[in-house]
Amino acid sequence: MHKKAHERGQAMIALIIGVIILGSIFMTGGIKKHVDQQIGEPFEATITGLPDQTTGKNLQLKTFLFTTGVPTPPPTSSSAPACGMTIPNGPLVIPGKTTDGQCCVEDGPANNVSECCPGVAGGETIPDANLPWPAWCDAKPAIYLYPEIQTKVNVKVTIPGKITVSIPHYKQGGWEGVLANPDGKLTYQGKNYPYLFYETMQEKSNPPKTGDFVLKKDLDTKLTKVTSALGLNEQEQKDFLSYWIPRLNKIDKKYILVSYFSPEQKLEIDKVDINPKPTTFIQFIMYYKGVDTPYSLAPLDLPANTPARKGFTAVEWGGILEN
């Protein structure tokens, strides 16, 4: 009798302990199947020895999931500024160094900040002690490819200087095996791009001999007219204006001289070879200079007719901003 009473006492104590444990679980939100990321790692616990009221035998409960509380880690911070550049259908991030908001590819072609295009538009004249000649930047040339059928294309750039930034990365010898689609979408090494992008630091050449002095408030209208005459379609023009208008508006001058290099000059400062060769190649490099007072200069002479797009069409635009 004393033995049975002792066993019943132990069972009752185990039941009370089990009820207390279960009650505490449900009072704190029940048994969680999903653990919040701020809570800690879960661990399992099994409770045994509770009596079954119908059989009087001990009943092993199913395993419960518990969590250990840990403090929320403090937000991480970095003293290095983010280095990235947004392009349409992006953003694409260039790993590298930052100087005045511009980015410079570390693993090439550029190796240090002095090789990057600095300043507002990445296109000012650069006093670079590492170069034997005065330099300027050809800022954001963008190359679009529109073959009639899906085609693998090789693109090579020849300049009197060096490529400092490129998306995708411009390797020695150029971009090889770019898969181009009729709608302009490009695939290179498994990644998709709307166009090929690069910047250069190169030997300074003579500026164009024509141009128009434009008030900042009129830049959008003027550049829309110019790029339409030179042959950009709606999307290309949108890319062009979204890149250049904000940068030109930051120049602390009343007027912006707007011009573009002649086809002969363009080939000297920025020659692009495409294989297979396009049937139509629309290409130009703009020239800008901020001034307080206009001076005597022949007006900008735009083409009388917009270039017609026939067959495999390639397009390239870029720009140089001189101090």
C-alpha atoms as a PDB file:
ATOM      1  CA  MET A   1       0.000   0.000   0.000  1.00  0.00           C
ATOM      2  CA  HIS A   2       2.721   2.378   0.953  1.00  0.00           C
ATOM      3  CA  LYS A   3       4.570   1.509  -2.291  1.00  0.00           C
ATOM      4  CA  LYS A   4       1.493   2.174  -4.463  1.00  0.00           C
ATOM      5  CA  ALA A   5       0.797   5.419  -2.647  1.00  0.00           C
ATOM      6  CA  HIS A   6       4.396   6.450  -3.162  1.00  0.00           C
ATOM      7  CA  GLU A   7       4.149   5.700  -6.922  1.00  0.00           C
ATOM      8  CA  ARG A   8       0.879   7.660  -7.183  1.00  0.00           C
ATOM      9  CA  GLY A   9       2.567  10.550  -5.386  1.00  0.00           C
ATOM     10  CA  GLN A  10       5.478  10.531  -7.842  1.00  0.00           C
ATOM     11  CA  ALA A  11       3.082  10.415 -10.787  1.00  0.00           C
ATOM     12  CA  MET A  12       1.071  13.315  -9.381  1.00  0.00           C
ATOM     13  CA  ILE A  13       4.268  15.381  -8.898  1.00  0.00           C
ATOM     14  CA  ALA A  14       5.337  14.579 -12.486  1.00  0.00           C
ATOM     15  CA  LEU A  15       1.874  15.596 -13.734  1.00  0.00           C
ATOM     16  CA  ILE A  16       2.005  18.906 -11.840  1.00  0.00           C
ATOM     17  CA  ILE A  17       5.491  19.615 -13.214  1.00  0.00           C
ATOM     18  CA  GLY A  18       4.292  18.788 -16.748  1.00  0.00           C
ATOM     19  CA  VAL A  19       1.263  21.060 -16.407  1.00  0.00           C
ATOM     20  CA  ILE A  20       3.489  23.903 -15.177  1.00  0.00           C
ATOM     21  CA  ILE A  21       5.873  23.448 -18.098  1.00  0.00           C
ATOM     22  CA  LEU A  22       3.075  23.260 -20.681  1.00  0.00           C
ATOM     23  CA  GLY A  23       1.336  26.242 -19.141  1.00  0.00           C
ATOM     24  CA  SER A  24       4.491  28.340 -19.327  1.00  0.00           C
ATOM     25  CA  ILE A  25       4.928  27.380 -22.955  1.00  0.00           C
ATOM     26  CA  PHE A  26       1.418  28.388 -23.965  1.00  0.00           C
ATOM     27  CA  MET A  27       1.488  31.577 -21.862  1.00  0.00           C
ATOM     28  CA  THR A  28       4.568  32.743 -23.778  1.00  0.00           C
ATOM     29  CA  GLY A  29       3.053  32.214 -27.197  1.00  0.00           C
ATOM     30  CA  GLY A  30       2.730  28.479 -27.554  1.00  0.00           C
ATOM     31  CA  ILE A  31       4.979  26.082 -29.370  1.00  0.00           C
ATOM     32  CA  LYS A  32       6.646  27.881 -32.277  1.00  0.00           C
ATOM     33  CA  LYS A  33       7.295  26.062 -35.483  1.00  0.00           C
ATOM     34  CA  HIS A  34       9.099  29.049 -37.063  1.00  0.00           C
ATOM     35  CA  VAL A  35      11.866  30.932 -35.345  1.00  0.00           C
ATOM     36  CA  ASP A  36      12.367  34.640 -35.930  1.00  0.00           C
ATOM     37  CA  GLN A  37      15.827  35.548 -37.166  1.00  0.00           C
ATOM     38  CA  GLN A  38      16.435  37.684 -34.100  1.00  0.00           C
ATOM     39  CA  ILE A  39      15.674  34.845 -31.682  1.00  0.00           C
ATOM     40  CA  GLY A  40      18.467  32.278 -31.484  1.00  0.00           C
ATOM     41  CA  GLU A  41      18.952  28.771 -32.662  1.00  0.00           C
ATOM     42  CA  PRO A  42      16.201  26.256 -31.765  1.00  0.00           C
ATOM     43  CA  PHE A  43      16.829  23.196 -29.634  1.00  0.00           C
ATOM     44  CA  GLU A  44      14.687  20.133 -28.913  1.00  0.00           C
ATOM     45  CA  ALA A  45      13.447  18.845 -25.537  1.00  0.00           C
ATOM     46  CA  THR A  46      11.478  15.713 -24.697  1.00  0.00           C
ATOM     47  CA  ILE A  47       9.256  15.341 -21.605  1.00  0.00           C
ATOM     48  CA  THR A  48       8.609  11.829 -20.323  1.00  0.00           C
ATOM     49  CA  GLY A  49       7.028  10.204 -17.296  1.00  0.00           C
ATOM     50  CA  LEU A  50       3.532  11.811 -17.389  1.00  0.00           C
ATOM     51  CA  PRO A  51       0.830   9.259 -16.564  1.00  0.00           C
ATOM     52  CA  ASP A  52      -1.880   8.296 -19.007  1.00  0.00           C
ATOM     53  CA  GLN A  53      -5.171   8.734 -17.075  1.00  0.00           C
ATOM     54  CA  THR A  54      -6.833   5.847 -18.884  1.00  0.00           C
ATOM     55  CA  THR A  55      -4.137   3.200 -18.504  1.00  0.00           C
ATOM     56  CA  GLY A  56      -2.157   4.494 -15.551  1.00  0.00           C
ATOM     57  CA  LYS A  57       1.017   3.975 -17.599  1.00  0.00           C
ATOM     58  CA  ASN A  58       3.636   6.561 -18.209  1.00  0.00           C
ATOM     59  CA  LEU A  59       3.206   8.493 -21.509  1.00  0.00           C
ATOM     60  CA  GLN A  60       6.103   9.903 -23.547  1.00  0.00           C
ATOM     61  CA  LEU A  61       5.170  13.223 -25.122  1.00  0.00           C
ATOM     62  CA  LYS A  62       6.273  14.320 -28.574  1.00  0.00           C
ATOM     63  CA  THR A  63       9.388  16.411 -28.838  1.00  0.00           C
ATOM     64  CA  PHE A  64       8.870  20.158 -28.345  1.00  0.00           C
ATOM     65  CA  LEU A  65      10.758  22.962 -30.090  1.00  0.00           C
ATOM     66  CA  PHE A  66      12.264  25.637 -27.848  1.00  0.00           C
ATOM     67  CA  THR A  67      14.377  28.652 -28.708  1.00  0.00           C
ATOM     68  CA  THR A  68      17.186  30.420 -26.935  1.00  0.00           C
ATOM     69  CA  GLY A  69      17.006  34.185 -26.851  1.00  0.00           C
ATOM     70  CA  VAL A  70      20.003  36.182 -28.097  1.00  0.00           C
ATOM     71  CA  PRO A  71      20.443  39.956 -28.385  1.00  0.00           C
ATOM     72  CA  THR A  72      19.912  41.524 -31.787  1.00  0.00           C
ATOM     73  CA  PRO A  73      23.339  42.175 -33.352  1.00  0.00           C
ATOM     74  CA  PRO A  74      24.170  45.843 -33.941  1.00  0.00           C
ATOM     75  CA  PRO A  75      23.945  47.053 -37.556  1.00  0.00           C
ATOM     76  CA  THR A  76      27.188  46.721 -39.432  1.00  0.00           C
ATOM     77  CA  SER A  77      28.753  49.809 -40.917  1.00  0.00           C
ATOM     78  CA  SER A  78      31.553  50.450 -43.333  1.00  0.00           C
ATOM     79  CA  SER A  79      33.690  53.514 -43.628  1.00  0.00           C
ATOM     80  CA  ALA A  80      34.233  52.831 -47.328  1.00  0.00           C
ATOM     81  CA  PRO A  81      31.595  54.409 -49.598  1.00  0.00           C
ATOM     82  CA  ALA A  82      29.629  52.120 -51.838  1.00  0.00           C
ATOM     83  CA  CYS A  83      31.012  51.954 -55.340  1.00  0.00           C
ATOM     84  CA  GLY A  84      28.293  51.401 -57.883  1.00  0.00           C
ATOM     85  CA  MET A  85      26.849  52.772 -61.053  1.00  0.00           C
ATOM     86  CA  THR A  86      23.229  52.489 -62.145  1.00  0.00           C
ATOM     87  CA  ILE A  87      22.295  51.939 -65.766  1.00  0.00           C
ATOM     88  CA  PRO A  88      18.854  51.245 -67.273  1.00  0.00           C
ATOM     89  CA  ASN A  89      17.514  47.804 -66.346  1.00  0.00           C
ATOM     90  CA  GLY A  90      20.190  47.811 -63.618  1.00  0.00           C
ATOM     91  CA  PRO A  91      21.551  48.534 -61.180  1.00  0.00           C
ATOM     92  CA  LEU A  92      24.922  47.092 -62.011  1.00  0.00           C
ATOM     93  CA  VAL A  93      27.600  47.547 -59.398  1.00  0.00           C
ATOM     94  CA  ILE A  94      31.233  48.054 -60.272  1.00  0.00           C
ATOM     95  CA  PRO A  95      33.539  46.793 -57.520  1.00  0.00           C
ATOM     96  CA  GLY A  96      36.362  49.235 -57.114  1.00  0.00           C
ATOM     97  CA  LYS A  97      37.456  52.566 -55.726  1.00  0.00           C
ATOM     98  CA  THR A  98      35.528  55.774 -55.343  1.00  0.00           C
ATOM     99  CA  THR A  99      36.643  59.287 -56.166  1.00  0.00           C
ATOM    100  CA  ASP A 100      34.159  62.177 -56.271  1.00  0.00           C
ATOM    101  CA  GLY A 101      31.305  59.727 -56.731  1.00  0.00           C
ATOM    102  CA  GLN A 102      32.924  57.998 -59.675  1.00  0.00           C
ATOM    103  CA  CYS A 103      33.993  54.349 -59.655  1.00  0.00           C
ATOM    104  CA  CYS A 104      37.199  52.775 -60.820  1.00  0.00           C
ATOM    105  CA  VAL A 105      37.612  49.089 -61.563  1.00  0.00           C
ATOM    106  CA  GLU A 106      40.322  47.608 -59.352  1.00  0.00           C
ATOM    107  CA  ASP A 107      41.213  44.555 -61.388  1.00  0.00           C
ATOM    108  CA  GLY A 108      41.548  46.430 -64.617  1.00  0.00           C
ATOM    109  CA  PRO A 109      41.808  48.179 -66.735  1.00  0.00           C
ATOM    110  CA  ALA A 110      42.366  50.918 -64.091  1.00  0.00           C
ATOM    111  CA  ASN A 111      44.665  50.226 -61.140  1.00  0.00           C
ATOM    112  CA  ASN A 112      44.395  53.372 -59.012  1.00  0.00           C
ATOM    113  CA  VAL A 113      42.195  56.396 -58.394  1.00  0.00           C
ATOM    114  CA  SER A 114      44.356  58.695 -60.511  1.00  0.00           C
ATOM    115  CA  GLU A 115      43.341  56.653 -63.538  1.00  0.00           C
ATOM    116  CA  CYS A 116      39.619  57.301 -63.031  1.00  0.00           C
ATOM    117  CA  CYS A 117      37.581  60.057 -64.607  1.00  0.00           C
ATOM    118  CA  PRO A 118      36.987  62.511 -61.725  1.00  0.00           C
ATOM    119  CA  GLY A 119      34.425  65.186 -60.992  1.00  0.00           C
ATOM    120  CA  VAL A 120      30.888  66.070 -61.961  1.00  0.00           C
ATOM    121  CA  ALA A 121      30.620  64.230 -65.236  1.00  0.00           C
ATOM    122  CA  GLY A 122      33.736  62.146 -65.204  1.00  0.00           C
ATOM    123  CA  GLY A 123      34.908  64.157 -68.179  1.00  0.00           C
ATOM    124  CA  GLU A 124      37.036  67.080 -67.066  1.00  0.00           C
ATOM    125  CA  THR A 125      40.597  67.630 -68.220  1.00  0.00           C
ATOM    126  CA  ILE A 126      42.820  65.547 -65.939  1.00  0.00           C
ATOM    127  CA  PRO A 127      46.206  66.754 -64.662  1.00  0.00           C
ATOM    128  CA  ASP A 128      47.743  63.321 -64.228  1.00  0.00           C
ATOM    129  CA  ALA A 129      51.407  63.125 -63.257  1.00  0.00           C
ATOM    130  CA  ASN A 130      51.534  59.529 -64.456  1.00  0.00           C
ATOM    131  CA  LEU A 131      50.801  60.529 -68.040  1.00  0.00           C
ATOM    132  CA  PRO A 132      53.214  62.166 -70.473  1.00  0.00           C
ATOM    133  CA  TRP A 133      50.401  64.196 -72.049  1.00  0.00           C
ATOM    134  CA  PRO A 134      47.392  66.324 -71.026  1.00  0.00           C
ATOM    135  CA  ALA A 135      44.382  64.018 -70.742  1.00  0.00           C
ATOM    136  CA  TRP A 136      40.625  64.104 -70.761  1.00  0.00           C
ATOM    137  CA  CYS A 137      37.898  61.521 -70.309  1.00  0.00           C
ATOM    138  CA  ASP A 138      35.516  60.101 -72.854  1.00  0.00           C
ATOM    139  CA  ALA A 139      32.584  59.658 -70.485  1.00  0.00           C
ATOM    140  CA  LYS A 140      30.190  56.760 -70.785  1.00  0.00           C
ATOM    141  CA  PRO A 141      30.352  55.663 -74.385  1.00  0.00           C
ATOM    142  CA  ALA A 142      27.473  53.191 -74.723  1.00  0.00           C
ATOM    143  CA  ILE A 143      27.350  50.673 -77.576  1.00  0.00           C
ATOM    144  CA  TYR A 144      24.007  49.183 -78.655  1.00  0.00           C
ATOM    145  CA  LEU A 145      23.755  46.198 -80.997  1.00  0.00           C
ATOM    146  CA  TYR A 146      20.670  45.297 -83.072  1.00  0.00           C
ATOM    147  CA  PRO A 147      21.335  42.324 -85.397  1.00  0.00           C
ATOM    148  CA  GLU A 148      18.546  41.040 -87.626  1.00  0.00           C
ATOM    149  CA  ILE A 149      18.836  37.616 -85.987  1.00  0.00           C
ATOM    150  CA  GLN A 150      20.488  36.493 -82.765  1.00  0.00           C
ATOM    151  CA  THR A 151      24.221  36.844 -83.414  1.00  0.00           C
ATOM    152  CA  LYS A 152      27.500  36.462 -81.546  1.00  0.00           C
ATOM    153  CA  VAL A 153      29.437  39.701 -81.885  1.00  0.00           C
ATOM    154  CA  ASN A 154      33.005  40.801 -81.099  1.00  0.00           C
ATOM    155  CA  VAL A 155      33.639  44.452 -80.185  1.00  0.00           C
ATOM    156  CA  LYS A 156      37.055  46.109 -79.936  1.00  0.00           C
ATOM    157  CA  VAL A 157      37.807  49.703 -78.909  1.00  0.00           C
ATOM    158  CA  THR A 158      40.938  51.581 -80.007  1.00  0.00           C
ATOM    159  CA  ILE A 159      41.781  54.862 -78.234  1.00  0.00           C
ATOM    160  CA  PRO A 160      44.839  57.080 -77.661  1.00  0.00           C
ATOM    161  CA  GLY A 161      44.900  56.217 -73.980  1.00  0.00           C
ATOM    162  CA  LYS A 162      43.354  53.583 -71.712  1.00  0.00           C
ATOM    163  CA  ILE A 163      39.930  52.213 -70.796  1.00  0.00           C
ATOM    164  CA  THR A 164      39.389  52.896 -67.092  1.00  0.00           C
ATOM    165  CA  VAL A 165      35.881  51.592 -66.427  1.00  0.00           C
ATOM    166  CA  SER A 166      33.787  49.038 -68.295  1.00  0.00           C
ATOM    167  CA  ILE A 167      30.531  47.101 -67.979  1.00  0.00           C
ATOM    168  CA  PRO A 168      30.883  44.252 -68.676  1.00  0.00           C
ATOM    169  CA  HIS A 169      34.598  44.060 -67.941  1.00  0.00           C
ATOM    170  CA  TYR A 170      36.619  44.906 -71.054  1.00  0.00           C
ATOM    171  CA  LYS A 171      39.387  42.359 -71.424  1.00  0.00           C
ATOM    172  CA  GLN A 172      42.547  42.631 -73.485  1.00  0.00           C
ATOM    173  CA  GLY A 173      41.438  42.318 -77.097  1.00  0.00           C
ATOM    174  CA  GLY A 174      37.876  43.458 -76.489  1.00  0.00           C
ATOM    175  CA  TRP A 175      34.484  41.930 -75.771  1.00  0.00           C
ATOM    176  CA  GLU A 176      34.337  38.568 -77.533  1.00  0.00           C
ATOM    177  CA  GLY A 177      31.265  36.444 -78.085  1.00  0.00           C
ATOM    178  CA  VAL A 178      28.619  38.958 -77.042  1.00  0.00           C
ATOM    179  CA  LEU A 179      25.245  37.374 -77.788  1.00  0.00           C
ATOM    180  CA  ALA A 180      23.169  40.140 -79.385  1.00  0.00           C
ATOM    181  CA  ASN A 181      19.415  39.967 -80.024  1.00  0.00           C
ATOM    182  CA  PRO A 182      17.322  41.959 -82.505  1.00  0.00           C
ATOM    183  CA  ASP A 183      15.644  43.846 -79.626  1.00  0.00           C
ATOM    184  CA  GLY A 184      19.053  45.041 -78.377  1.00  0.00           C
ATOM    185  CA  LYS A 185      19.344  42.744 -75.365  1.00  0.00           C
ATOM    186  CA  LEU A 186      22.904  41.531 -74.859  1.00  0.00           C
ATOM    187  CA  THR A 187      24.249  38.500 -73.008  1.00  0.00           C
ATOM    188  CA  TYR A 188      27.912  38.239 -72.094  1.00  0.00           C
ATOM    189  CA  GLN A 189      29.449  35.521 -69.935  1.00  0.00           C
ATOM    190  CA  GLY A 190      26.049  34.532 -68.606  1.00  0.00           C
ATOM    191  CA  LYS A 191      24.867  38.035 -67.653  1.00  0.00           C
ATOM    192  CA  ASN A 192      22.441  40.360 -69.426  1.00  0.00           C
ATOM    193  CA  TYR A 193      23.113  43.975 -70.404  1.00  0.00           C
ATOM    194  CA  PRO A 194      21.198  46.706 -72.270  1.00  0.00           C
ATOM    195  CA  TYR A 195      24.425  47.936 -73.876  1.00  0.00           C
ATOM    196  CA  LEU A 196      28.219  47.796 -73.594  1.00  0.00           C
ATOM    197  CA  PHE A 197      29.620  50.586 -71.441  1.00  0.00           C
ATOM    198  CA  TYR A 198      33.104  51.977 -70.933  1.00  0.00           C
ATOM    199  CA  GLU A 199      35.019  55.141 -70.061  1.00  0.00           C
ATOM    200  CA  THR A 200      38.468  56.181 -71.191  1.00  0.00           C
ATOM    201  CA  MET A 201      41.271  58.448 -70.124  1.00  0.00           C
ATOM    202  CA  GLN A 202      43.131  59.566 -73.192  1.00  0.00           C
ATOM    203  CA  GLU A 203      45.328  62.117 -74.846  1.00  0.00           C
ATOM    204  CA  LYS A 204      43.641  65.472 -75.302  1.00  0.00           C
ATOM    205  CA  SER A 205      42.905  66.386 -78.920  1.00  0.00           C
ATOM    206  CA  ASN A 206      41.578  69.501 -80.625  1.00  0.00           C
ATOM    207  CA  PRO A 207      37.973  70.428 -79.784  1.00  0.00           C
ATOM    208  CA  PRO A 208      35.313  70.747 -82.500  1.00  0.00           C
ATOM    209  CA  LYS A 209      35.310  73.958 -84.530  1.00  0.00           C
ATOM    210  CA  THR A 210      31.540  74.453 -84.296  1.00  0.00           C
ATOM    211  CA  GLY A 211      29.061  74.592 -81.456  1.00  0.00           C
ATOM    212  CA  ASP A 212      26.101  76.313 -79.805  1.00  0.00           C
ATOM    213  CA  PHE A 213      26.070  78.093 -76.428  1.00  0.00           C
ATOM    214  CA  VAL A 214      23.049  76.869 -74.467  1.00  0.00           C
ATOM    215  CA  LEU A 215      21.512  78.111 -71.216  1.00  0.00           C
ATOM    216  CA  LYS A 216      21.094  75.325 -68.682  1.00  0.00           C
ATOM    217  CA  LYS A 217      17.303  75.640 -68.725  1.00  0.00           C
ATOM    218  CA  ASP A 218      17.369  74.873 -72.454  1.00  0.00           C
ATOM    219  CA  LEU A 219      19.716  71.894 -72.316  1.00  0.00           C
ATOM    220  CA  ASP A 220      17.005  69.226 -72.399  1.00  0.00           C
ATOM    221  CA  THR A 221      15.361  70.730 -75.487  1.00  0.00           C
ATOM    222  CA  LYS A 222      18.670  71.299 -77.251  1.00  0.00           C
ATOM    223  CA  LEU A 223      20.132  67.866 -76.598  1.00  0.00           C
ATOM    224  CA  THR A 224      16.866  66.186 -77.571  1.00  0.00           C
ATOM    225  CA  LYS A 225      17.012  67.973 -80.918  1.00  0.00           C
ATOM    226  CA  VAL A 226      20.696  67.170 -81.443  1.00  0.00           C
ATOM    227  CA  THR A 227      20.451  63.469 -80.578  1.00  0.00           C
ATOM    228  CA  SER A 228      17.317  63.046 -82.700  1.00  0.00           C
ATOM    229  CA  ALA A 229      19.148  64.525 -85.688  1.00  0.00           C
ATOM    230  CA  LEU A 230      22.146  62.277 -85.043  1.00  0.00           C
ATOM    231  CA  GLY A 231      19.936  59.176 -85.068  1.00  0.00           C
ATOM    232  CA  LEU A 232      19.172  57.987 -81.514  1.00  0.00           C
ATOM    233  CA  ASN A 233      15.911  56.155 -80.960  1.00  0.00           C
ATOM    234  CA  GLU A 234      13.633  56.860 -77.994  1.00  0.00           C
ATOM    235  CA  GLN A 235      15.320  54.500 -75.511  1.00  0.00           C
ATOM    236  CA  GLU A 236      18.854  55.486 -76.507  1.00  0.00           C
ATOM    237  CA  GLN A 237      17.920  59.150 -76.220  1.00  0.00           C
ATOM    238  CA  LYS A 238      16.417  58.556 -72.778  1.00  0.00           C
ATOM    239  CA  ASP A 239      19.659  56.873 -71.654  1.00  0.00           C
ATOM    240  CA  PHE A 240      21.693  59.749 -73.062  1.00  0.00           C
ATOM    241  CA  LEU A 241      19.648  62.544 -71.467  1.00  0.00           C
ATOM    242  CA  SER A 242      19.352  60.837 -68.075  1.00  0.00           C
ATOM    243  CA  TYR A 243      23.130  60.588 -67.929  1.00  0.00           C
ATOM    244  CA  TRP A 244      24.162  64.001 -69.255  1.00  0.00           C
ATOM    245  CA  ILE A 245      21.497  66.515 -68.163  1.00  0.00           C
ATOM    246  CA  PRO A 246      22.105  66.133 -64.379  1.00  0.00           C
ATOM    247  CA  ARG A 247      25.860  66.356 -64.858  1.00  0.00           C
ATOM    248  CA  LEU A 248      25.794  69.390 -67.100  1.00  0.00           C
ATOM    249  CA  ASN A 249      23.414  71.186 -64.744  1.00  0.00           C
ATOM    250  CA  LYS A 250      25.979  70.884 -61.944  1.00  0.00           C
ATOM    251  CA  ILE A 251      28.557  72.911 -63.850  1.00  0.00           C
ATOM    252  CA  ASP A 252      28.978  76.330 -62.261  1.00  0.00           C
ATOM    253  CA  LYS A 253      28.716  78.264 -65.515  1.00  0.00           C
ATOM    254  CA  LYS A 254      25.869  80.169 -67.169  1.00  0.00           C
ATOM    255  CA  TYR A 255      26.210  78.538 -70.585  1.00  0.00           C
ATOM    256  CA  ILE A 256      27.174  75.105 -71.857  1.00  0.00           C
ATOM    257  CA  LEU A 257      28.902  74.878 -75.206  1.00  0.00           C
ATOM    258  CA  VAL A 258      27.285  71.934 -76.993  1.00  0.00           C
ATOM    259  CA  SER A 259      28.993  70.292 -79.938  1.00  0.00           C
ATOM    260  CA  TYR A 260      30.162  66.936 -81.253  1.00  0.00           C
ATOM    261  CA  PHE A 261      33.308  65.700 -82.932  1.00  0.00           C
ATOM    262  CA  SER A 262      33.373  65.234 -86.691  1.00  0.00           C
ATOM    263  CA  PRO A 263      33.365  61.623 -87.948  1.00  0.00           C
ATOM    264  CA  GLU A 264      37.079  61.938 -88.741  1.00  0.00           C
ATOM    265  CA  GLN A 265      37.906  63.231 -85.243  1.00  0.00           C
ATOM    266  CA  LYS A 266      35.704  60.585 -83.666  1.00  0.00           C
ATOM    267  CA  LEU A 267      37.700  57.788 -85.271  1.00  0.00           C
ATOM    268  CA  GLU A 268      40.909  59.332 -83.922  1.00  0.00           C
ATOM    269  CA  ILE A 269      39.732  59.560 -80.312  1.00  0.00           C
ATOM    270  CA  ASP A 270      37.350  56.582 -80.180  1.00  0.00           C
ATOM    271  CA  LYS A 271      37.435  53.880 -82.867  1.00  0.00           C
ATOM    272  CA  VAL A 272      35.087  50.927 -82.456  1.00  0.00           C
ATOM    273  CA  ASP A 273      35.465  47.763 -84.544  1.00  0.00           C
ATOM    274  CA  ILE A 274      32.512  45.387 -84.623  1.00  0.00           C
ATOM    275  CA  ASN A 275      32.570  41.886 -86.116  1.00  0.00           C
ATOM    276  CA  PRO A 276      30.420  40.983 -87.972  1.00  0.00           C
ATOM    277  CA  LYS A 277      30.398  44.465 -89.419  1.00  0.00           C
ATOM    278  CA  PRO A 278      27.080  46.337 -89.016  1.00  0.00           C
ATOM    279  CA  THR A 279      25.168  47.469 -92.073  1.00  0.00           C
ATOM    280  CA  THR A 280      24.370  50.716 -90.235  1.00  0.00           C
ATOM    281  CA  PHE A 281      26.620  52.256 -87.580  1.00  0.00           C
ATOM    282  CA  ILE A 282      25.366  55.442 -85.878  1.00  0.00           C
ATOM    283  CA  GLN A 283      28.183  56.842 -83.741  1.00  0.00           C
ATOM    284  CA  PHE A 284      29.138  60.172 -82.203  1.00  0.00           C
ATOM    285  CA  ILE A 285      31.038  61.669 -79.276  1.00  0.00           C
ATOM    286  CA  MET A 286      29.609  64.896 -77.843  1.00  0.00           C
ATOM    287  CA  TYR A 287      31.741  67.814 -76.646  1.00  0.00           C
ATOM    288  CA  TYR A 288      30.756  70.136 -73.770  1.00  0.00           C
ATOM    289  CA  LYS A 289      32.368  73.109 -72.107  1.00  0.00           C
ATOM    290  CA  GLY A 290      30.943  75.428 -69.454  1.00  0.00           C
ATOM    291  CA  VAL A 291      31.416  79.163 -70.115  1.00  0.00           C
ATOM    292  CA  ASP A 292      30.176  82.405 -68.549  1.00  0.00           C
ATOM    293  CA  THR A 293      30.187  84.400 -71.778  1.00  0.00           C
ATOM    294  CA  PRO A 294      29.670  83.083 -75.332  1.00  0.00           C
ATOM    295  CA  TYR A 295      32.412  83.774 -77.851  1.00  0.00           C
ATOM    296  CA  SER A 296      32.648  83.748 -81.620  1.00  0.00           C
ATOM    297  CA  LEU A 297      32.195  80.224 -82.965  1.00  0.00           C
ATOM    298  CA  ALA A 298      30.580  78.750 -86.056  1.00  0.00           C
ATOM    299  CA  PRO A 299      27.125  77.317 -85.189  1.00  0.00           C
ATOM    300  CA  LEU A 300      26.564  73.599 -84.822  1.00  0.00           C
ATOM    301  CA  ASP A 301      25.772  71.987 -88.157  1.00  0.00           C
ATOM    302  CA  LEU A 302      23.382  69.061 -87.738  1.00  0.00           C
ATOM    303  CA  PRO A 303      22.696  66.433 -90.425  1.00  0.00           C
ATOM    304  CA  ALA A 304      19.847  67.350 -92.749  1.00  0.00           C
ATOM    305  CA  ASN A 305      18.400  63.820 -92.569  1.00  0.00           C
ATOM    306  CA  THR A 306      18.237  61.373 -89.691  1.00  0.00           C
ATOM    307  CA  PRO A 307      20.311  58.252 -90.475  1.00  0.00           C
ATOM    308  CA  ALA A 308      18.174  55.353 -91.703  1.00  0.00           C
ATOM    309  CA  ARG A 309      18.549  52.047 -89.872  1.00  0.00           C
ATOM    310  CA  LYS A 310      19.025  49.138 -92.275  1.00  0.00           C
ATOM    311  CA  GLY A 311      20.141  45.579 -91.553  1.00  0.00           C
ATOM    312  CA  PHE A 312      22.396  44.926 -88.575  1.00  0.00           C
ATOM    313  CA  THR A 313      22.466  48.295 -86.767  1.00  0.00           C
ATOM    314  CA  ALA A 314      24.967  49.422 -84.145  1.00  0.00           C
ATOM    315  CA  VAL A 315      24.808  52.665 -82.165  1.00  0.00           C
ATOM    316  CA  GLU A 316      27.401  54.387 -79.999  1.00  0.00           C
ATOM    317  CA  TRP A 317      27.201  57.658 -78.070  1.00  0.00           C
ATOM    318  CA  GLY A 318      29.591  59.222 -75.584  1.00  0.00           C
ATOM    319  CA  GLY A 319      30.784  62.655 -74.484  1.00  0.00           C
ATOM    320  CA  ILE A 320      33.755  64.728 -73.368  1.00  0.00           C
ATOM    321  CA  LEU A 321      33.422  67.597 -70.913  1.00  0.00           C
ATOM    322  CA  GLU A 322      36.321  70.036 -70.891  1.00  0.00           C
ATOM    323  CA  ASN A 323      37.141  72.564 -68.181  1.00  0.00           C
END
